[in-house]
């Protein structure tokens, strides 16, 4: 209660301005995603940036009721010609993989940084198991290497999978991935990185607004670790708000006792980055004659 009174008492024009700026970062975030989707599908169908944006928002509408947003690609496919939808499934997987790679690399780097901060270690090891942290870092190394190989060496992985009789017939899933060279793949990764930077920036700004006082770089690292856990933990997007709140308190609570501010920030980000885009996407989905004609 004291935290809430402190937040309300110190709320000023600059806080409202920062909240407005966080809202402005939301369309920037999804513009990066639209640019990425446009680049991904360019080889099978040309989309304008506006069409790509509509696809991305529609994807958010579909992702709300699926585990870890797995249904997002369904919304995106609605804006493609019927003949191209099957071909675009693996391409959608490539886009998701690029974002996962950035999330895992950022989370891994942040964990390594935290591991070497003595003050942080003294706090974190009181609440988290040393052995758990010890095993997590090697596992993340393996995951990062595997994801990068899968991302940049899809053809070679396909050739290896062809040697396994049980899954040989499914290797056609990788066909479209072979059309991307390393420059295009790197460009897609850069767009995913820009999205990730926007995510982290929104959190840091809102933490300042709600008086969660801590070093901004330390907060950024903890946010990266939180995104890593959100990517690992299975859950429906609609229920993600509770998970975000719990993780935020667990991680950010290591450097701040302002629990209300932490929860307000987690709720605000979910509303801005998840719920609002899903509502916008629902409007676009309603206007589609499903599986008959994409929106022009």
C-alpha atoms as a PDB file:
ATOM      1  CA  UNK A   1       0.000   0.000   0.000  1.00  0.00           C
ATOM      2  CA  UNK A   2       2.889   2.347   0.791  1.00  0.00           C
ATOM      3  CA  UNK A   3       4.365   1.600  -2.637  1.00  0.00           C
ATOM      4  CA  UNK A   4       1.072   2.523  -4.328  1.00  0.00           C
ATOM      5  CA  UNK A   5       0.786   5.817  -2.401  1.00  0.00           C
ATOM      6  CA  UNK A   6       4.378   6.634  -3.306  1.00  0.00           C
ATOM      7  CA  UNK A   7       3.704   5.974  -7.003  1.00  0.00           C
ATOM      8  CA  UNK A   8       0.526   8.109  -7.067  1.00  0.00           C
ATOM      9  CA  UNK A   9       2.142  10.915  -5.099  1.00  0.00           C
ATOM     10  CA  UNK A  10       5.090  11.221  -7.478  1.00  0.00           C
ATOM     11  CA  UNK A  11       3.104  10.784 -10.712  1.00  0.00           C
ATOM     12  CA  UNK A  12       3.733  13.846 -12.879  1.00  0.00           C
ATOM     13  CA  UNK A  13       3.533  15.006 -16.494  1.00  0.00           C
ATOM     14  CA  UNK A  14       6.830  13.241 -17.286  1.00  0.00           C
ATOM     15  CA  UNK A  15       5.340   9.908 -16.151  1.00  0.00           C
ATOM     16  CA  UNK A  16       2.334  10.368 -18.456  1.00  0.00           C
ATOM     17  CA  UNK A  17       4.716  11.307 -21.260  1.00  0.00           C
ATOM     18  CA  UNK A  18       6.734   8.130 -20.681  1.00  0.00           C
ATOM     19  CA  UNK A  19       3.575   5.995 -20.751  1.00  0.00           C
ATOM     20  CA  UNK A  20       2.591   7.647 -24.030  1.00  0.00           C
ATOM     21  CA  UNK A  21       6.064   6.865 -25.392  1.00  0.00           C
ATOM     22  CA  UNK A  22       5.670   3.206 -24.403  1.00  0.00           C
ATOM     23  CA  UNK A  23       2.409   3.141 -26.377  1.00  0.00           C
ATOM     24  CA  UNK A  24       4.234   4.637 -29.363  1.00  0.00           C
ATOM     25  CA  UNK A  25       6.826   1.871 -29.186  1.00  0.00           C
ATOM     26  CA  UNK A  26       4.095  -0.741 -29.689  1.00  0.00           C
ATOM     27  CA  UNK A  27       3.475   0.077 -33.399  1.00  0.00           C
ATOM     28  CA  UNK A  28       7.245   0.336 -33.892  1.00  0.00           C
ATOM     29  CA  UNK A  29       7.610  -3.150 -32.460  1.00  0.00           C
ATOM     30  CA  UNK A  30       5.006  -4.612 -34.804  1.00  0.00           C
ATOM     31  CA  UNK A  31       6.369  -2.639 -37.755  1.00  0.00           C
ATOM     32  CA  UNK A  32       9.677  -4.467 -37.297  1.00  0.00           C
ATOM     33  CA  UNK A  33       7.735  -7.748 -37.192  1.00  0.00           C
ATOM     34  CA  UNK A  34       5.813  -6.738 -40.341  1.00  0.00           C
ATOM     35  CA  UNK A  35       9.074  -5.931 -42.126  1.00  0.00           C
ATOM     36  CA  UNK A  36      10.379  -9.336 -41.104  1.00  0.00           C
ATOM     37  CA  UNK A  37       7.253 -11.159 -42.322  1.00  0.00           C
ATOM     38  CA  UNK A  38       7.322  -9.207 -45.595  1.00  0.00           C
ATOM     39  CA  UNK A  39      10.947 -10.187 -46.153  1.00  0.00           C
ATOM     40  CA  UNK A  40      10.204 -13.824 -45.318  1.00  0.00           C
ATOM     41  CA  UNK A  41       7.270 -14.258 -47.719  1.00  0.00           C
ATOM     42  CA  UNK A  42       8.698 -12.126 -50.533  1.00  0.00           C
ATOM     43  CA  UNK A  43       9.959 -15.235 -52.335  1.00  0.00           C
ATOM     44  CA  UNK A  44       6.463 -16.679 -52.625  1.00  0.00           C
ATOM     45  CA  UNK A  45       4.208 -13.591 -52.588  1.00  0.00           C
ATOM     46  CA  UNK A  46       4.688  -9.830 -52.530  1.00  0.00           C
ATOM     47  CA  UNK A  47       3.035  -7.999 -49.634  1.00  0.00           C
ATOM     48  CA  UNK A  48       2.938  -4.283 -49.006  1.00  0.00           C
ATOM     49  CA  UNK A  49       4.012  -3.100 -45.557  1.00  0.00           C
ATOM     50  CA  UNK A  50       0.352  -2.354 -44.726  1.00  0.00           C
ATOM     51  CA  UNK A  51      -0.734  -5.873 -45.748  1.00  0.00           C
ATOM     52  CA  UNK A  52       2.098  -7.321 -43.720  1.00  0.00           C
ATOM     53  CA  UNK A  53       1.065  -5.243 -40.690  1.00  0.00           C
ATOM     54  CA  UNK A  54      -2.499  -6.523 -40.994  1.00  0.00           C
ATOM     55  CA  UNK A  55      -1.139 -10.075 -41.146  1.00  0.00           C
ATOM     56  CA  UNK A  56       0.917  -9.556 -38.009  1.00  0.00           C
ATOM     57  CA  UNK A  57      -1.998  -8.095 -36.029  1.00  0.00           C
ATOM     58  CA  UNK A  58      -4.276 -10.902 -37.217  1.00  0.00           C
ATOM     59  CA  UNK A  59      -1.652 -13.344 -36.009  1.00  0.00           C
ATOM     60  CA  UNK A  60      -1.858 -11.796 -32.554  1.00  0.00           C
ATOM     61  CA  UNK A  61      -5.615 -12.327 -32.517  1.00  0.00           C
ATOM     62  CA  UNK A  62      -5.126 -16.035 -33.265  1.00  0.00           C
ATOM     63  CA  UNK A  63      -2.283 -16.424 -30.766  1.00  0.00           C
ATOM     64  CA  UNK A  64      -4.309 -15.376 -27.717  1.00  0.00           C
ATOM     65  CA  UNK A  65      -5.857 -18.822 -27.188  1.00  0.00           C
ATOM     66  CA  UNK A  66      -2.901 -21.008 -28.145  1.00  0.00           C
ATOM     67  CA  UNK A  67       0.101 -22.289 -26.204  1.00  0.00           C
ATOM     68  CA  UNK A  68       3.039 -19.883 -26.416  1.00  0.00           C
ATOM     69  CA  UNK A  69       1.307 -18.046 -29.271  1.00  0.00           C
ATOM     70  CA  UNK A  70       1.660 -21.069 -31.579  1.00  0.00           C
ATOM     71  CA  UNK A  71      -1.453 -20.065 -33.529  1.00  0.00           C
ATOM     72  CA  UNK A  72       0.079 -16.784 -34.621  1.00  0.00           C
ATOM     73  CA  UNK A  73       1.041 -18.122 -38.046  1.00  0.00           C
ATOM     74  CA  UNK A  74      -2.631 -18.993 -38.793  1.00  0.00           C
ATOM     75  CA  UNK A  75      -3.583 -15.324 -38.743  1.00  0.00           C
ATOM     76  CA  UNK A  76      -0.651 -14.423 -40.954  1.00  0.00           C
ATOM     77  CA  UNK A  77      -1.554 -17.084 -43.511  1.00  0.00           C
ATOM     78  CA  UNK A  78      -5.023 -15.594 -44.014  1.00  0.00           C
ATOM     79  CA  UNK A  79      -3.478 -12.699 -45.912  1.00  0.00           C
ATOM     80  CA  UNK A  80      -1.713 -14.961 -48.394  1.00  0.00           C
ATOM     81  CA  UNK A  81      -3.150 -16.577 -51.498  1.00  0.00           C
ATOM     82  CA  UNK A  82      -4.540 -20.039 -50.850  1.00  0.00           C
ATOM     83  CA  UNK A  83      -1.869 -21.683 -53.000  1.00  0.00           C
ATOM     84  CA  UNK A  84       0.906 -20.104 -50.932  1.00  0.00           C
ATOM     85  CA  UNK A  85      -0.313 -20.909 -47.428  1.00  0.00           C
ATOM     86  CA  UNK A  86       1.208 -24.372 -47.149  1.00  0.00           C
ATOM     87  CA  UNK A  87       4.537 -23.097 -48.485  1.00  0.00           C
ATOM     88  CA  UNK A  88       4.508 -20.274 -45.933  1.00  0.00           C
ATOM     89  CA  UNK A  89       4.228 -22.560 -42.896  1.00  0.00           C
ATOM     90  CA  UNK A  90       7.945 -23.353 -42.792  1.00  0.00           C
ATOM     91  CA  UNK A  91       8.713 -19.689 -43.494  1.00  0.00           C
ATOM     92  CA  UNK A  92       6.617 -18.692 -40.479  1.00  0.00           C
ATOM     93  CA  UNK A  93       8.614 -21.215 -38.455  1.00  0.00           C
ATOM     94  CA  UNK A  94      11.813 -19.480 -39.602  1.00  0.00           C
ATOM     95  CA  UNK A  95      10.544 -16.120 -38.362  1.00  0.00           C
ATOM     96  CA  UNK A  96       9.618 -17.565 -34.974  1.00  0.00           C
ATOM     97  CA  UNK A  97      12.979 -19.315 -34.753  1.00  0.00           C
ATOM     98  CA  UNK A  98      14.817 -16.049 -35.388  1.00  0.00           C
ATOM     99  CA  UNK A  99      13.005 -14.402 -32.454  1.00  0.00           C
ATOM    100  CA  UNK A 100      13.656 -17.445 -30.268  1.00  0.00           C
ATOM    101  CA  UNK A 101      17.380 -17.303 -31.084  1.00  0.00           C
ATOM    102  CA  UNK A 102      17.585 -13.651 -30.009  1.00  0.00           C
ATOM    103  CA  UNK A 103      15.621 -14.415 -26.825  1.00  0.00           C
ATOM    104  CA  UNK A 104      17.861 -17.348 -25.905  1.00  0.00           C
ATOM    105  CA  UNK A 105      21.095 -15.492 -26.709  1.00  0.00           C
ATOM    106  CA  UNK A 106      20.007 -12.441 -24.689  1.00  0.00           C
ATOM    107  CA  UNK A 107      18.839 -14.601 -21.781  1.00  0.00           C
ATOM    108  CA  UNK A 108      22.018 -16.660 -21.826  1.00  0.00           C
ATOM    109  CA  UNK A 109      24.253 -13.561 -21.942  1.00  0.00           C
ATOM    110  CA  UNK A 110      22.302 -11.977 -19.088  1.00  0.00           C
ATOM    111  CA  UNK A 111      22.581 -15.126 -16.947  1.00  0.00           C
ATOM    112  CA  UNK A 112      26.339 -15.213 -17.529  1.00  0.00           C
ATOM    113  CA  UNK A 113      26.593 -11.547 -16.545  1.00  0.00           C
ATOM    114  CA  UNK A 114      24.563 -12.123 -13.392  1.00  0.00           C
ATOM    115  CA  UNK A 115      26.691 -15.132 -12.531  1.00  0.00           C
ATOM    116  CA  UNK A 116      29.722 -12.840 -12.293  1.00  0.00           C
ATOM    117  CA  UNK A 117      28.143 -10.128 -10.146  1.00  0.00           C
ATOM    118  CA  UNK A 118      29.024 -10.821  -6.544  1.00  0.00           C
ATOM    119  CA  UNK A 119      26.299  -8.643  -5.021  1.00  0.00           C
ATOM    120  CA  UNK A 120      23.679 -10.243  -7.218  1.00  0.00           C
ATOM    121  CA  UNK A 121      24.896 -13.743  -6.411  1.00  0.00           C
ATOM    122  CA  UNK A 122      24.498 -13.105  -2.702  1.00  0.00           C
ATOM    123  CA  UNK A 123      20.841 -12.200  -3.260  1.00  0.00           C
ATOM    124  CA  UNK A 124      19.816 -14.622  -5.953  1.00  0.00           C
ATOM    125  CA  UNK A 125      21.298 -17.758  -4.424  1.00  0.00           C
ATOM    126  CA  UNK A 126      19.178 -17.259  -1.334  1.00  0.00           C
ATOM    127  CA  UNK A 127      16.084 -17.801  -3.467  1.00  0.00           C
ATOM    128  CA  UNK A 128      17.253 -19.915  -6.406  1.00  0.00           C
ATOM    129  CA  UNK A 129      19.219 -23.137  -6.401  1.00  0.00           C
ATOM    130  CA  UNK A 130      22.906 -22.894  -7.317  1.00  0.00           C
ATOM    131  CA  UNK A 131      22.675 -26.303  -8.953  1.00  0.00           C
ATOM    132  CA  UNK A 132      19.652 -25.252 -10.976  1.00  0.00           C
ATOM    133  CA  UNK A 133      21.576 -22.241 -12.314  1.00  0.00           C
ATOM    134  CA  UNK A 134      24.659 -24.396 -12.879  1.00  0.00           C
ATOM    135  CA  UNK A 135      22.784 -26.831 -15.120  1.00  0.00           C
ATOM    136  CA  UNK A 136      20.723 -24.170 -16.915  1.00  0.00           C
ATOM    137  CA  UNK A 137      23.701 -22.382 -18.493  1.00  0.00           C
ATOM    138  CA  UNK A 138      25.176 -25.498 -20.222  1.00  0.00           C
ATOM    139  CA  UNK A 139      21.705 -26.446 -21.456  1.00  0.00           C
ATOM    140  CA  UNK A 140      21.301 -22.958 -22.935  1.00  0.00           C
ATOM    141  CA  UNK A 141      24.670 -23.277 -24.691  1.00  0.00           C
ATOM    142  CA  UNK A 142      23.472 -26.491 -26.350  1.00  0.00           C
ATOM    143  CA  UNK A 143      20.132 -24.896 -27.297  1.00  0.00           C
ATOM    144  CA  UNK A 144      21.795 -21.812 -28.771  1.00  0.00           C
ATOM    145  CA  UNK A 145      24.163 -23.893 -30.897  1.00  0.00           C
ATOM    146  CA  UNK A 146      21.332 -26.143 -32.069  1.00  0.00           C
ATOM    147  CA  UNK A 147      19.034 -23.236 -32.972  1.00  0.00           C
ATOM    148  CA  UNK A 148      21.777 -21.412 -34.887  1.00  0.00           C
ATOM    149  CA  UNK A 149      22.670 -24.561 -36.833  1.00  0.00           C
ATOM    150  CA  UNK A 150      19.000 -25.166 -37.601  1.00  0.00           C
ATOM    151  CA  UNK A 151      18.636 -21.545 -38.692  1.00  0.00           C
ATOM    152  CA  UNK A 152      21.716 -21.219 -40.890  1.00  0.00           C
ATOM    153  CA  UNK A 153      22.169 -24.839 -41.995  1.00  0.00           C
ATOM    154  CA  UNK A 154      18.637 -25.963 -42.806  1.00  0.00           C
ATOM    155  CA  UNK A 155      19.726 -27.801 -45.963  1.00  0.00           C
ATOM    156  CA  UNK A 156      22.404 -29.849 -44.204  1.00  0.00           C
ATOM    157  CA  UNK A 157      20.024 -30.728 -41.401  1.00  0.00           C
ATOM    158  CA  UNK A 158      17.471 -31.781 -44.004  1.00  0.00           C
ATOM    159  CA  UNK A 159      20.057 -34.087 -45.628  1.00  0.00           C
ATOM    160  CA  UNK A 160      20.788 -35.649 -42.235  1.00  0.00           C
ATOM    161  CA  UNK A 161      17.099 -36.147 -41.463  1.00  0.00           C
ATOM    162  CA  UNK A 162      16.604 -37.898 -44.805  1.00  0.00           C
ATOM    163  CA  UNK A 163      18.794 -40.706 -43.480  1.00  0.00           C
ATOM    164  CA  UNK A 164      16.272 -41.372 -40.690  1.00  0.00           C
ATOM    165  CA  UNK A 165      13.530 -43.559 -42.160  1.00  0.00           C
ATOM    166  CA  UNK A 166      10.774 -42.595 -39.721  1.00  0.00           C
ATOM    167  CA  UNK A 167      10.931 -38.861 -40.477  1.00  0.00           C
ATOM    168  CA  UNK A 168      12.227 -38.929 -44.049  1.00  0.00           C
ATOM    169  CA  UNK A 169       8.836 -38.125 -45.547  1.00  0.00           C
ATOM    170  CA  UNK A 170       8.518 -34.981 -43.419  1.00  0.00           C
ATOM    171  CA  UNK A 171      11.769 -33.369 -44.590  1.00  0.00           C
ATOM    172  CA  UNK A 172       9.885 -31.472 -47.301  1.00  0.00           C
ATOM    173  CA  UNK A 173       9.002 -29.057 -44.490  1.00  0.00           C
ATOM    174  CA  UNK A 174      12.487 -27.565 -44.916  1.00  0.00           C
ATOM    175  CA  UNK A 175      12.223 -26.985 -48.687  1.00  0.00           C
ATOM    176  CA  UNK A 176      11.313 -23.289 -48.510  1.00  0.00           C
ATOM    177  CA  UNK A 177      14.052 -22.610 -45.944  1.00  0.00           C
ATOM    178  CA  UNK A 178      16.720 -23.481 -48.491  1.00  0.00           C
ATOM    179  CA  UNK A 179      15.849 -20.383 -50.540  1.00  0.00           C
ATOM    180  CA  UNK A 180      17.341 -17.963 -48.002  1.00  0.00           C
ATOM    181  CA  UNK A 181      21.028 -17.035 -48.079  1.00  0.00           C
ATOM    182  CA  UNK A 182      23.012 -16.020 -45.003  1.00  0.00           C
ATOM    183  CA  UNK A 183      22.584 -12.287 -45.706  1.00  0.00           C
ATOM    184  CA  UNK A 184      18.796 -12.572 -45.733  1.00  0.00           C
ATOM    185  CA  UNK A 185      18.824 -14.750 -42.633  1.00  0.00           C
ATOM    186  CA  UNK A 186      21.052 -12.248 -40.844  1.00  0.00           C
ATOM    187  CA  UNK A 187      18.734  -9.379 -41.866  1.00  0.00           C
ATOM    188  CA  UNK A 188      15.817 -11.298 -40.347  1.00  0.00           C
ATOM    189  CA  UNK A 189      17.815 -11.815 -37.142  1.00  0.00           C
ATOM    190  CA  UNK A 190      18.592  -8.084 -36.988  1.00  0.00           C
ATOM    191  CA  UNK A 191      14.886  -7.237 -37.256  1.00  0.00           C
ATOM    192  CA  UNK A 192      14.207  -9.732 -34.446  1.00  0.00           C
ATOM    193  CA  UNK A 193      16.925  -8.055 -32.380  1.00  0.00           C
ATOM    194  CA  UNK A 194      15.358  -4.622 -32.952  1.00  0.00           C
ATOM    195  CA  UNK A 195      12.013  -6.006 -31.761  1.00  0.00           C
ATOM    196  CA  UNK A 196      13.679  -7.410 -28.667  1.00  0.00           C
ATOM    197  CA  UNK A 197      15.331  -4.058 -27.901  1.00  0.00           C
ATOM    198  CA  UNK A 198      11.915  -2.385 -28.123  1.00  0.00           C
ATOM    199  CA  UNK A 199      10.465  -4.978 -25.716  1.00  0.00           C
ATOM    200  CA  UNK A 200      13.200  -4.385 -23.156  1.00  0.00           C
ATOM    201  CA  UNK A 201      13.004  -0.593 -23.555  1.00  0.00           C
ATOM    202  CA  UNK A 202       9.271  -0.613 -22.837  1.00  0.00           C
ATOM    203  CA  UNK A 203       9.855  -2.519 -19.625  1.00  0.00           C
ATOM    204  CA  UNK A 204      12.684  -0.272 -18.445  1.00  0.00           C
ATOM    205  CA  UNK A 205      10.635   2.878 -19.134  1.00  0.00           C
ATOM    206  CA  UNK A 206       7.570   1.566 -17.288  1.00  0.00           C
ATOM    207  CA  UNK A 207       9.698   0.433 -14.364  1.00  0.00           C
ATOM    208  CA  UNK A 208      10.900   4.034 -14.083  1.00  0.00           C
ATOM    209  CA  UNK A 209       7.318   5.295 -14.294  1.00  0.00           C
ATOM    210  CA  UNK A 210       6.169   3.003 -11.473  1.00  0.00           C
ATOM    211  CA  UNK A 211       9.194   3.791  -9.302  1.00  0.00           C
ATOM    212  CA  UNK A 212      10.925   0.428  -9.539  1.00  0.00           C
ATOM    213  CA  UNK A 213      14.340   1.870  -8.805  1.00  0.00           C
ATOM    214  CA  UNK A 214      17.388  -0.099  -9.908  1.00  0.00           C
ATOM    215  CA  UNK A 215      20.282   0.216 -12.321  1.00  0.00           C
ATOM    216  CA  UNK A 216      18.836   0.249 -15.857  1.00  0.00           C
ATOM    217  CA  UNK A 217      21.382  -2.244 -17.191  1.00  0.00           C
ATOM    218  CA  UNK A 218      20.699  -4.650 -14.345  1.00  0.00           C
ATOM    219  CA  UNK A 219      16.970  -4.304 -14.981  1.00  0.00           C
ATOM    220  CA  UNK A 220      17.541  -4.994 -18.688  1.00  0.00           C
ATOM    221  CA  UNK A 221      19.407  -8.199 -17.884  1.00  0.00           C
ATOM    222  CA  UNK A 222      16.663  -9.400 -15.561  1.00  0.00           C
ATOM    223  CA  UNK A 223      14.052  -8.608 -18.220  1.00  0.00           C
ATOM    224  CA  UNK A 224      16.039 -10.654 -20.755  1.00  0.00           C
ATOM    225  CA  UNK A 225      16.055 -13.579 -18.329  1.00  0.00           C
ATOM    226  CA  UNK A 226      12.316 -13.188 -17.828  1.00  0.00           C
ATOM    227  CA  UNK A 227      11.724 -13.323 -21.605  1.00  0.00           C
ATOM    228  CA  UNK A 228      13.850 -16.459 -21.700  1.00  0.00           C
ATOM    229  CA  UNK A 229      11.668 -18.144 -19.081  1.00  0.00           C
ATOM    230  CA  UNK A 230       8.485 -16.995 -20.847  1.00  0.00           C
ATOM    231  CA  UNK A 231       9.769 -18.650 -24.034  1.00  0.00           C
ATOM    232  CA  UNK A 232      10.469 -21.905 -22.170  1.00  0.00           C
ATOM    233  CA  UNK A 233       7.372 -22.121 -19.955  1.00  0.00           C
ATOM    234  CA  UNK A 234       4.321 -23.431 -21.866  1.00  0.00           C
ATOM    235  CA  UNK A 235       1.182 -21.407 -21.433  1.00  0.00           C
ATOM    236  CA  UNK A 236      -1.792 -19.810 -23.155  1.00  0.00           C
ATOM    237  CA  UNK A 237      -1.321 -16.132 -24.027  1.00  0.00           C
ATOM    238  CA  UNK A 238      -4.531 -15.200 -22.194  1.00  0.00           C
ATOM    239  CA  UNK A 239      -3.074 -16.689 -19.002  1.00  0.00           C
ATOM    240  CA  UNK A 240       0.379 -15.211 -19.630  1.00  0.00           C
ATOM    241  CA  UNK A 241      -0.382 -12.135 -17.548  1.00  0.00           C
ATOM    242  CA  UNK A 242      -0.265 -14.178 -14.342  1.00  0.00           C
ATOM    243  CA  UNK A 243       2.967 -15.870 -15.385  1.00  0.00           C
ATOM    244  CA  UNK A 244       4.530 -12.517 -16.248  1.00  0.00           C
ATOM    245  CA  UNK A 245       3.521 -11.153 -12.865  1.00  0.00           C
ATOM    246  CA  UNK A 246       5.017 -14.095 -10.961  1.00  0.00           C
ATOM    247  CA  UNK A 247       8.263 -14.036 -12.942  1.00  0.00           C
ATOM    248  CA  UNK A 248       8.537 -10.263 -12.616  1.00  0.00           C
ATOM    249  CA  UNK A 249       8.191 -10.444  -8.828  1.00  0.00           C
ATOM    250  CA  UNK A 250      10.677 -13.331  -8.642  1.00  0.00           C
ATOM    251  CA  UNK A 251      13.342 -11.665 -10.780  1.00  0.00           C
ATOM    252  CA  UNK A 252      12.861  -7.907 -10.459  1.00  0.00           C
ATOM    253  CA  UNK A 253      12.032  -8.456  -6.797  1.00  0.00           C
ATOM    254  CA  UNK A 254      15.709  -9.328  -6.326  1.00  0.00           C
ATOM    255  CA  UNK A 255      16.624  -5.664  -6.840  1.00  0.00           C
ATOM    256  CA  UNK A 256      13.434  -3.827  -5.807  1.00  0.00           C
ATOM    257  CA  UNK A 257      10.843  -4.233  -3.059  1.00  0.00           C
ATOM    258  CA  UNK A 258       8.219  -2.253  -4.992  1.00  0.00           C
ATOM    259  CA  UNK A 259       5.961  -5.234  -5.713  1.00  0.00           C
ATOM    260  CA  UNK A 260       2.996  -3.114  -6.805  1.00  0.00           C
ATOM    261  CA  UNK A 261       5.158  -1.188  -9.274  1.00  0.00           C
ATOM    262  CA  UNK A 262       6.517  -4.446 -10.689  1.00  0.00           C
ATOM    263  CA  UNK A 263       3.011  -5.880 -11.150  1.00  0.00           C
ATOM    264  CA  UNK A 264       1.721  -2.657 -12.706  1.00  0.00           C
ATOM    265  CA  UNK A 265       4.568  -2.730 -15.210  1.00  0.00           C
ATOM    266  CA  UNK A 266       4.000  -6.394 -16.120  1.00  0.00           C
ATOM    267  CA  UNK A 267       0.259  -5.760 -16.538  1.00  0.00           C
ATOM    268  CA  UNK A 268       0.835  -2.615 -18.585  1.00  0.00           C
ATOM    269  CA  UNK A 269       3.224  -4.332 -20.997  1.00  0.00           C
ATOM    270  CA  UNK A 270       0.826  -7.252 -21.470  1.00  0.00           C
ATOM    271  CA  UNK A 271      -2.070  -4.899 -22.210  1.00  0.00           C
ATOM    272  CA  UNK A 272      -0.029  -2.777 -24.647  1.00  0.00           C
ATOM    273  CA  UNK A 273       1.916  -5.513 -26.443  1.00  0.00           C
ATOM    274  CA  UNK A 274      -0.528  -8.426 -26.308  1.00  0.00           C
ATOM    275  CA  UNK A 275      -4.142  -7.470 -25.707  1.00  0.00           C
ATOM    276  CA  UNK A 276      -4.285  -4.248 -27.744  1.00  0.00           C
ATOM    277  CA  UNK A 277      -2.654  -5.780 -30.871  1.00  0.00           C
ATOM    278  CA  UNK A 278      -4.979  -8.799 -30.550  1.00  0.00           C
ATOM    279  CA  UNK A 279      -8.021  -6.498 -30.498  1.00  0.00           C
ATOM    280  CA  UNK A 280      -6.736  -4.664 -33.582  1.00  0.00           C
ATOM    281  CA  UNK A 281      -6.049  -8.003 -35.270  1.00  0.00           C
ATOM    282  CA  UNK A 282      -9.568  -9.240 -34.504  1.00  0.00           C
ATOM    283  CA  UNK A 283     -10.970  -6.289 -36.459  1.00  0.00           C
ATOM    284  CA  UNK A 284      -8.890  -7.307 -39.491  1.00  0.00           C
ATOM    285  CA  UNK A 285      -9.815 -10.988 -39.160  1.00  0.00           C
ATOM    286  CA  UNK A 286     -13.529 -10.183 -39.069  1.00  0.00           C
ATOM    287  CA  UNK A 287     -13.147  -8.432 -42.410  1.00  0.00           C
ATOM    288  CA  UNK A 288     -11.651 -11.469 -44.151  1.00  0.00           C
ATOM    289  CA  UNK A 289     -13.664 -13.979 -46.146  1.00  0.00           C
ATOM    290  CA  UNK A 290     -11.743 -16.812 -44.518  1.00  0.00           C
ATOM    291  CA  UNK A 291      -9.762 -19.046 -46.893  1.00  0.00           C
ATOM    292  CA  UNK A 292     -11.413 -17.466 -49.910  1.00  0.00           C
ATOM    293  CA  UNK A 293      -9.789 -14.145 -50.569  1.00  0.00           C
ATOM    294  CA  UNK A 294      -7.037 -12.252 -48.732  1.00  0.00           C
ATOM    295  CA  UNK A 295      -7.564  -8.626 -47.802  1.00  0.00           C
ATOM    296  CA  UNK A 296      -6.200  -6.247 -50.446  1.00  0.00           C
END
